Amino acid sequence: MLPLAFLLLGTGMQVNPQEIEGALHIMNQTKVEFTIPHKDDDGDDKWPSFIGAQVQNPNPIQDAKVDVGGYRLQFHILQGNSPTIVFETGSGADSSTWRDIVPAVARRTGARIITYDRAGLGQSEVNPDPGPYSITQEVEALEQGLKQLQVNGHLILVAHSYGGFLATLFVARNTS
């Protein structure tokens, strides 16, 4: 489906933009490049080459309710360039978790950024399926939402805590 990059963040609830920007990993079908910031000889932060100079992103965030099969998820899209960065929250959290981080990442990368609320969280609808919870069902909803939003090309997943399980499954299901 999409060449993917994948980032897992720790389980602490406080995440800052430098941690996210510094830990972005780029994944092509069979190859992972680790992109970790480091200090240069003068002690200044040196960022990976794909994280360029600060980019101003004047685009407003667009909200979209997307039908993912009988219920709708709330997506927030900040338009930008490829790759698209999708932020996945931890357990019980909604997309507001990322409100302070998204502008900094957008300025640093110029990328299109998507945050969203999983079913039953934030502004998304509850999944009407009365069956038992399924992590696969959550990932399928994200896949369907991204398809409806016509997200294609390179994709970077940024996941926090429980969202790392969802991101791992997403990557496993979308290797080509």
Protein backbone atom coordinates (compact mmCIF):
# COMPACT_ATOMS: atom_id res chain seq x y z
CA MET A 1 0.00 0.00 0.00
CA LEU A 2 2.30 2.78 1.26
CA PRO A 3 6.00 3.03 2.05
CA LEU A 4 5.95 3.60 5.79
CA ALA A 5 7.96 5.17 8.51
CA PHE A 6 7.23 4.20 12.05
CA LEU A 7 7.86 5.82 15.42
CA LEU A 8 6.91 4.59 18.85
CA LEU A 9 7.00 6.90 21.82
CA GLY A 10 7.32 5.86 25.46
CA THR A 11 4.48 5.34 27.84
CA GLY A 12 4.82 8.65 29.71
CA MET A 13 1.98 11.08 29.11
CA GLN A 14 4.24 14.08 28.45
CA VAL A 15 5.67 14.11 24.93
CA ASN A 16 7.48 17.09 23.50
CA PRO A 17 8.07 18.08 19.86
CA GLN A 18 11.83 17.52 20.07
CA GLU A 19 11.31 13.90 21.09
CA ILE A 20 9.01 13.31 18.15
CA GLU A 21 11.10 15.10 15.57
CA GLY A 22 14.27 13.47 16.82
CA ALA A 23 12.96 9.92 16.82
CA LEU A 24 11.31 9.76 13.37
CA HIS A 25 12.18 6.52 11.64
CA ILE A 26 11.85 6.07 7.90
CA MET A 27 10.78 2.68 6.66
CA ASN A 28 10.77 1.47 3.08
CA GLN A 29 9.33 -1.97 2.43
CA THR A 30 12.35 -3.85 3.75
CA LYS A 31 14.66 -1.17 5.09
CA VAL A 32 14.49 1.00 8.19
CA GLU A 33 16.66 4.09 8.54
CA PHE A 34 17.03 5.44 12.06
CA THR A 35 17.07 9.20 12.17
CA ILE A 36 18.20 10.35 15.57
CA PRO A 37 19.39 13.87 16.32
CA HIS A 38 22.83 14.24 17.78
CA LYS A 39 25.24 16.96 18.82
CA ASP A 40 27.77 18.14 16.26
CA ASP A 41 31.38 19.04 17.17
CA ASP A 42 30.26 22.47 18.43
CA GLY A 43 27.58 20.97 20.68
CA ASP A 44 24.71 22.13 18.46
CA ASP A 45 21.77 19.89 17.64
CA LYS A 46 22.15 18.22 14.24
CA TRP A 47 18.90 16.97 12.70
CA PRO A 48 18.53 14.25 10.08
CA SER A 49 18.61 15.57 6.53
CA PHE A 50 14.91 15.02 5.81
CA ILE A 51 14.02 17.25 8.75
CA GLY A 52 15.01 20.48 7.06
CA ALA A 53 15.04 24.07 8.14
CA GLN A 54 11.99 25.57 9.76
CA VAL A 55 9.12 25.75 7.28
CA GLN A 56 6.20 28.11 7.76
CA ASN A 57 2.89 26.35 7.17
CA PRO A 58 0.12 28.91 6.72
CA ASN A 59 -2.52 26.28 6.01
CA PRO A 60 -5.32 26.00 8.56
CA ILE A 61 -6.26 22.65 10.03
CA GLN A 62 -9.17 21.08 8.15
CA ASP A 63 -11.64 18.87 10.01
CA ALA A 64 -13.31 15.92 8.32
CA LYS A 65 -15.74 13.28 9.59
CA VAL A 66 -15.02 10.15 7.57
CA ASP A 67 -17.31 7.14 7.31
CA VAL A 68 -15.27 4.03 8.01
CA GLY A 69 -18.06 1.47 7.77
CA GLY A 70 -21.17 2.43 9.69
CA TYR A 71 -19.67 5.10 11.90
CA ARG A 72 -17.51 8.19 11.40
CA LEU A 73 -14.07 9.09 12.69
CA GLN A 74 -12.97 12.69 13.18
CA PHE A 75 -9.78 13.57 11.28
CA HIS A 76 -7.82 16.82 11.56
CA ILE A 77 -5.62 17.55 8.53
CA LEU A 78 -2.92 20.17 8.23
CA GLN A 79 -2.02 20.31 4.54
CA GLY A 80 1.63 20.15 3.59
CA ASN A 81 4.09 18.16 1.53
CA SER A 82 4.93 14.48 1.42
CA PRO A 83 5.48 12.50 3.52
CA THR A 84 2.22 12.53 5.45
CA ILE A 85 2.68 12.19 9.21
CA VAL A 86 -0.16 10.44 11.06
CA PHE A 87 -0.27 10.77 14.85
CA GLU A 88 -1.79 7.88 16.85
CA THR A 89 -2.67 8.54 20.51
CA GLY A 90 -2.34 6.35 23.55
CA SER A 91 -5.17 4.48 25.20
CA GLY A 92 -8.23 6.58 26.00
CA ALA A 93 -6.73 9.76 24.56
CA ASP A 94 -8.09 11.81 21.68
CA SER A 95 -6.34 13.91 19.07
CA SER A 96 -6.10 16.91 21.40
CA THR A 97 -3.07 15.11 22.87
CA TRP A 98 -1.09 16.38 19.89
CA ARG A 99 -2.37 19.99 19.82
CA ASP A 100 0.91 21.50 21.06
CA ILE A 101 3.14 19.20 19.02
CA VAL A 102 1.57 19.39 15.55
CA PRO A 103 2.47 23.06 14.87
CA ALA A 104 6.13 22.49 15.79
CA VAL A 105 6.40 19.37 13.63
CA ALA A 106 4.65 21.15 10.74
CA ARG A 107 7.05 24.09 10.96
CA ARG A 108 10.08 21.81 11.12
CA THR A 109 9.06 19.40 8.34
CA GLY A 110 6.51 21.12 6.09
CA ALA A 111 4.72 17.76 5.97
CA ARG A 112 1.00 17.11 5.76
CA ILE A 113 -0.05 16.11 9.27
CA ILE A 114 -3.09 14.09 10.26
CA THR A 115 -4.41 13.50 13.75
CA TYR A 116 -7.65 11.68 14.44
CA ASP A 117 -9.94 10.43 17.17
CA ARG A 118 -10.44 6.67 17.37
CA ALA A 119 -13.99 5.34 17.65
CA GLY A 120 -15.77 6.60 20.75
CA LEU A 121 -13.09 9.16 21.59
CA GLY A 122 -13.04 12.92 21.06
CA GLN A 123 -15.38 13.91 18.24
CA SER A 124 -15.59 10.44 16.63
CA GLU A 125 -18.68 8.29 16.75
CA VAL A 126 -18.89 5.05 18.70
CA ASN A 127 -18.53 1.89 16.63
CA PRO A 128 -22.07 0.43 16.62
CA ASP A 129 -20.77 -3.15 16.37
CA PRO A 130 -21.75 -4.75 19.70
CA GLY A 131 -19.11 -7.46 19.31
CA PRO A 132 -16.00 -7.75 21.45
CA TYR A 133 -13.25 -5.15 21.08
CA SER A 134 -10.78 -5.84 18.28
CA ILE A 135 -7.46 -4.09 17.69
CA THR A 136 -7.74 -5.22 14.07
CA GLN A 137 -11.05 -3.39 13.78
CA GLU A 138 -9.38 -0.19 15.00
CA VAL A 139 -6.59 -0.52 12.43
CA GLU A 140 -9.09 -1.27 9.66
CA ALA A 141 -10.94 1.92 10.58
CA LEU A 142 -7.72 3.94 10.26
CA GLU A 143 -6.93 2.27 6.94
CA GLN A 144 -10.41 3.05 5.64
CA GLY A 145 -10.21 6.64 6.86
CA LEU A 146 -6.87 7.24 5.17
CA LYS A 147 -8.21 5.66 1.98
CA GLN A 148 -11.28 7.95 2.08
CA LEU A 149 -8.96 10.94 2.59
CA GLN A 150 -6.90 9.75 -0.41
CA VAL A 151 -3.69 9.54 1.59
CA ASN A 152 -1.08 7.91 -0.61
CA GLY A 153 2.67 8.04 -0.99
CA HIS A 154 5.06 8.01 1.94
CA LEU A 155 3.50 7.79 5.37
CA ILE A 156 5.06 8.29 8.79
CA LEU A 157 3.21 6.93 11.82
CA VAL A 158 3.89 8.57 15.17
CA ALA A 159 2.44 6.49 17.98
CA HIS A 160 2.27 7.02 21.71
CA SER A 161 1.89 4.21 24.24
CA TYR A 162 -1.09 1.97 23.29
CA GLY A 163 -1.11 3.62 19.87
CA GLY A 164 2.15 1.76 19.26
CA PHE A 165 0.23 -1.53 19.15
CA LEU A 166 -2.11 -0.05 16.54
CA ALA A 167 0.79 1.38 14.53
CA THR A 168 2.67 -1.92 14.65
CA LEU A 169 -0.35 -3.80 13.33
CA PHE A 170 -0.94 -1.11 10.69
CA VAL A 171 2.65 -1.50 9.44
CA ALA A 172 2.39 -5.30 9.48
CA ARG A 173 -0.78 -5.14 7.37
CA ASN A 174 0.58 -2.57 4.91
CA THR A 175 4.06 -3.75 3.95
CA SER A 176 3.83 -3.32 0.17
